[in-house]
Protein backbone atom coordinates (compact mmCIF):
# COMPACT_ATOMS: atom_id res chain seq x y z
CA MET A 1 0.00 -0.01 0.00
CA PRO A 2 1.58 3.33 -0.98
CA LYS A 3 2.50 5.51 1.97
CA ASP A 4 1.37 9.07 2.40
CA ASP A 5 3.38 11.79 4.14
CA ASN A 6 0.30 12.72 6.06
CA ASN A 7 -0.24 9.84 8.47
CA ASN A 8 -3.88 10.70 9.20
CA GLU A 9 -4.68 10.91 5.48
CA ASN A 10 -2.93 7.56 4.94
CA LYS A 11 -5.08 5.92 7.66
CA LYS A 12 -8.18 7.40 6.08
CA THR A 13 -7.16 6.09 2.62
CA ASN A 14 -6.47 2.62 4.00
CA ALA A 15 -9.75 2.61 5.86
CA THR A 16 -11.56 3.33 2.56
CA PHE A 17 -9.84 0.35 0.92
CA LEU A 18 -10.66 -1.92 3.87
CA GLN A 19 -14.30 -0.83 3.87
CA ILE A 20 -14.71 -1.57 0.14
CA ALA A 21 -12.94 -4.92 0.54
CA ALA A 22 -15.13 -5.85 3.52
CA GLU A 23 -18.42 -4.96 1.82
CA ALA A 24 -17.76 -6.60 -1.57
CA SER A 25 -18.36 -10.33 -1.66
CA VAL A 26 -16.84 -10.98 -5.12
CA GLY A 27 -13.67 -9.65 -6.69
CA HIS A 28 -12.42 -10.08 -10.26
CA LEU A 29 -8.92 -11.46 -10.40
CA GLY A 30 -6.81 -10.44 -13.40
CA ILE A 31 -4.21 -13.01 -14.50
CA ILE A 32 -2.18 -13.83 -17.61
CA THR A 33 -2.88 -17.36 -18.84
CA PRO A 34 -0.18 -19.67 -20.30
CA ASP A 35 -1.22 -18.70 -23.84
CA GLY A 36 -0.43 -15.05 -23.07
CA TYR A 37 -4.02 -13.80 -22.91
CA PRO A 38 -5.34 -11.80 -19.97
CA ARG A 39 -8.21 -13.40 -18.07
CA VAL A 40 -10.56 -12.09 -15.40
CA VAL A 41 -11.76 -14.68 -12.85
CA PRO A 42 -14.49 -14.01 -10.27
CA VAL A 43 -13.44 -15.04 -6.74
CA ASN A 44 -14.83 -14.84 -3.26
CA PHE A 45 -12.13 -13.15 -1.24
CA VAL A 46 -11.26 -11.65 2.12
CA ALA A 47 -8.84 -8.85 3.01
CA VAL A 48 -6.74 -9.48 6.10
CA GLY A 49 -5.11 -6.11 6.60
CA GLU A 50 -3.55 -5.30 3.24
CA THR A 51 -3.40 -8.92 2.11
CA ILE A 52 -6.06 -10.59 -0.05
CA TYR A 53 -6.84 -14.29 0.29
CA PHE A 54 -9.07 -16.60 -1.73
CA HIS A 55 -9.26 -20.35 -2.32
CA GLY A 56 -9.40 -22.56 -5.38
CA ALA A 57 -8.04 -25.68 -7.00
CA ILE A 58 -4.39 -26.66 -6.77
CA ARG A 59 -4.23 -26.93 -10.55
CA GLY A 60 -5.52 -25.01 -13.53
CA GLU A 61 -5.06 -21.47 -14.83
CA LYS A 62 -4.98 -19.62 -11.49
CA PHE A 63 -2.44 -22.06 -10.13
CA LEU A 64 -0.19 -21.78 -13.18
CA ALA A 65 -0.53 -17.98 -13.27
CA PHE A 66 0.45 -17.64 -9.62
CA HIS A 67 3.35 -20.04 -10.09
CA ASP A 68 4.78 -18.60 -13.33
CA ARG A 69 3.42 -15.05 -13.72
CA PRO A 70 2.73 -13.81 -10.22
CA LYS A 71 1.87 -10.14 -11.04
CA VAL A 72 -1.91 -9.93 -10.68
CA THR A 73 -4.74 -7.45 -10.19
CA LEU A 74 -7.99 -7.65 -8.25
CA SER A 75 -10.89 -5.43 -9.20
CA ILE A 76 -13.52 -4.91 -6.46
CA ASP A 77 -16.78 -3.06 -6.90
CA ILE A 78 -19.95 -2.45 -4.94
CA PRO A 79 -22.88 -1.34 -7.14
CA TYR A 80 -25.39 1.02 -5.56
CA ALA A 81 -28.57 2.49 -7.06
CA LEU A 82 -29.06 3.53 -10.65
CA VAL A 83 -30.32 7.09 -11.02
CA PRO A 84 -32.61 7.35 -14.07
CA SER A 85 -32.20 10.17 -16.57
CA TYR A 86 -35.70 11.56 -16.03
CA TRP A 87 -34.90 12.57 -12.47
CA ARG A 88 -32.80 15.28 -14.03
CA SER A 89 -34.18 15.75 -17.55
CA GLU A 90 -37.53 14.88 -19.10
CA LYS A 91 -36.13 13.88 -22.53
CA TYR A 92 -32.34 13.74 -22.38
CA ALA A 93 -30.96 10.18 -21.79
CA CYS A 94 -27.37 11.04 -20.90
CA PRO A 95 -27.88 11.94 -17.19
CA ALA A 96 -28.71 8.27 -16.34
CA THR A 97 -25.93 7.02 -14.05
CA GLN A 98 -24.92 4.21 -11.72
CA TYR A 99 -23.48 5.00 -8.29
CA PHE A 100 -20.74 2.74 -6.94
CA LYS A 101 -17.59 2.20 -4.91
CA SER A 102 -14.61 0.43 -6.50
CA ALA A 103 -10.97 -0.43 -5.93
CA LEU A 104 -8.25 -1.91 -8.12
CA VAL A 105 -5.49 -3.78 -6.34
CA LYS A 106 -2.07 -4.46 -7.91
CA GLY A 107 0.12 -7.06 -6.25
CA ARG A 108 2.04 -10.29 -6.42
CA GLY A 109 0.31 -13.63 -6.03
CA VAL A 110 1.64 -16.43 -3.84
CA ILE A 111 0.42 -19.99 -3.51
CA VAL A 112 0.08 -20.53 0.23
CA GLU A 113 1.68 -23.81 1.39
CA ASP A 114 1.73 -23.44 5.18
CA ALA A 115 -1.23 -25.28 6.76
CA ASP A 116 -1.61 -22.75 9.62
CA GLU A 117 -1.76 -19.81 7.18
CA LYS A 118 -4.21 -21.72 4.99
CA ALA A 119 -6.44 -22.31 8.01
CA ARG A 120 -6.31 -18.66 9.11
CA ALA A 121 -7.16 -17.49 5.59
CA LEU A 122 -10.09 -19.88 5.22
CA GLN A 123 -11.35 -19.00 8.68
CA ALA A 124 -11.30 -15.32 7.74
CA LEU A 125 -13.22 -16.15 4.54
CA MET A 126 -15.85 -17.96 6.58
CA GLU A 127 -16.16 -15.15 9.09
CA LYS A 128 -16.73 -12.70 6.22
CA HIS A 129 -19.15 -14.79 4.14
CA GLN A 130 -20.89 -16.76 6.93
CA PRO A 131 -20.77 -14.37 9.89
CA GLU A 132 -23.54 -16.22 11.76
CA GLY A 133 -21.17 -19.13 12.42
CA GLY A 134 -22.60 -22.63 12.46
CA TYR A 135 -19.34 -24.48 11.91
CA GLU A 136 -16.28 -25.66 13.81
CA THR A 137 -13.29 -23.29 13.72
CA ILE A 138 -10.88 -24.26 10.93
CA ASP A 139 -7.79 -25.73 12.54
CA PRO A 140 -5.14 -28.01 10.96
CA ALA A 141 -4.98 -29.93 14.24
CA VAL A 142 -8.56 -31.14 13.66
CA PRO A 143 -8.33 -34.35 11.59
CA HIS A 144 -11.09 -33.64 9.05
CA TYR A 145 -9.71 -30.14 8.46
CA ALA A 146 -6.14 -31.41 8.18
CA LYS A 147 -7.10 -33.65 5.26
CA ALA A 148 -9.16 -30.92 3.57
CA LEU A 149 -6.31 -28.36 3.86
CA GLU A 150 -4.02 -30.71 1.96
CA HIS A 151 -6.34 -30.73 -1.03
CA VAL A 152 -7.47 -27.08 -1.27
CA GLY A 153 -5.49 -24.30 -2.83
CA VAL A 154 -5.21 -21.03 -0.92
CA TYR A 155 -3.89 -17.99 -2.73
CA ARG A 156 -2.46 -14.76 -1.30
CA VAL A 157 -2.14 -11.36 -2.95
CA ARG A 158 -0.05 -8.79 -1.13
CA CYS A 159 -1.29 -5.37 -2.10
CA ASP A 160 1.58 -3.33 -3.60
CA SER A 161 -0.72 -0.46 -4.56
CA TRP A 162 -4.35 0.31 -5.13
CA SER A 163 -6.53 2.94 -6.70
CA GLY A 164 -10.18 3.59 -6.02
CA LYS A 165 -13.18 5.48 -7.20
CA ILE A 166 -16.31 6.44 -5.27
CA LYS A 167 -19.16 7.91 -7.28
CA PHE A 168 -22.13 9.42 -5.46
CA GLY A 169 -22.76 12.62 -7.39
CA GLN A 170 -20.07 14.65 -5.65
CA ASP A 171 -19.82 16.87 -8.74
CA GLU A 172 -23.58 17.56 -8.82
CA PRO A 173 -25.11 20.80 -7.46
CA GLU A 174 -26.34 20.52 -3.88
CA LYS A 175 -29.92 21.15 -4.96
CA LEU A 176 -29.82 18.24 -7.38
CA GLN A 177 -28.24 15.99 -4.73
CA ARG A 178 -31.17 16.76 -2.41
CA THR A 179 -33.59 15.88 -5.25
CA PHE A 180 -31.84 12.54 -5.78
CA ILE A 181 -31.94 11.75 -2.06
CA GLU A 182 -35.65 12.51 -1.92
CA LYS A 183 -36.48 10.42 -5.00
CA LEU A 184 -34.33 7.51 -3.85
CA ARG A 185 -36.21 7.37 -0.58
CA GLU A 186 -39.57 7.67 -2.38
CA ARG A 187 -38.67 4.79 -4.72
CA GLY A 188 -37.41 2.56 -1.89
CA GLY A 189 -35.52 -0.01 -3.98
CA PRO A 190 -33.02 -2.52 -2.52
CA MET A 191 -30.02 -0.12 -2.54
CA ASP A 192 -31.87 3.19 -2.55
CA GLU A 193 -31.62 4.05 1.17
CA ALA A 194 -27.97 3.00 1.25
CA THR A 195 -27.30 5.25 -1.79
CA ALA A 196 -29.14 8.20 -0.24
CA LEU A 197 -26.99 7.85 2.89
CA GLU A 198 -23.80 7.76 0.79
CA ILE A 199 -24.84 10.91 -1.09
CA GLU A 200 -25.32 12.62 2.28
CA HIS A 201 -21.88 11.32 3.33
CA PHE A 202 -20.21 12.71 0.18
CA PRO A 203 -21.78 16.17 -0.21
CA ALA A 204 -21.32 18.40 -3.24
CA GLY A 205 -18.04 20.21 -3.59
């Protein structure tokens, strides 16, 4: 993660990355396949600090890419509400827009071999994606987990740098932002209240 001379600003930037990584359930892993073509692979992932983990097979394209061409990217996005054009213009289509948060991670991929690290990574994945519990803690000392850990691939991406974009109409006039907030709450769709709150969090200017 690139460092900033202003420590408070750096903490704020890192917190933004961690928030996006925590909220997004799927990331899109960018690798180069053996035939030289780029490929994007959807993966369930977890961020442990500045390190990304996900699991997969111990063979195939991801395995070969991490072994031979370890420079990778991970694109993360959280889609929010779509704002229709007619909230701004009766006839002009161009104002239609999608609000979102996104981050692009650049790093080096590693195939995790250590059983304890594998267990910690998979436990973190479970805590993110099944927070209600309902399972025994993943531990290589537990026989049925020890066998499973031998046959599952766990992959690590250490974040060298990242860039992000957050779009909630920050460049719109305050009056128009208020209109969008009102209409989102009137519509009441699945992400409308969350989007209204984000617009309030990222005011104009």
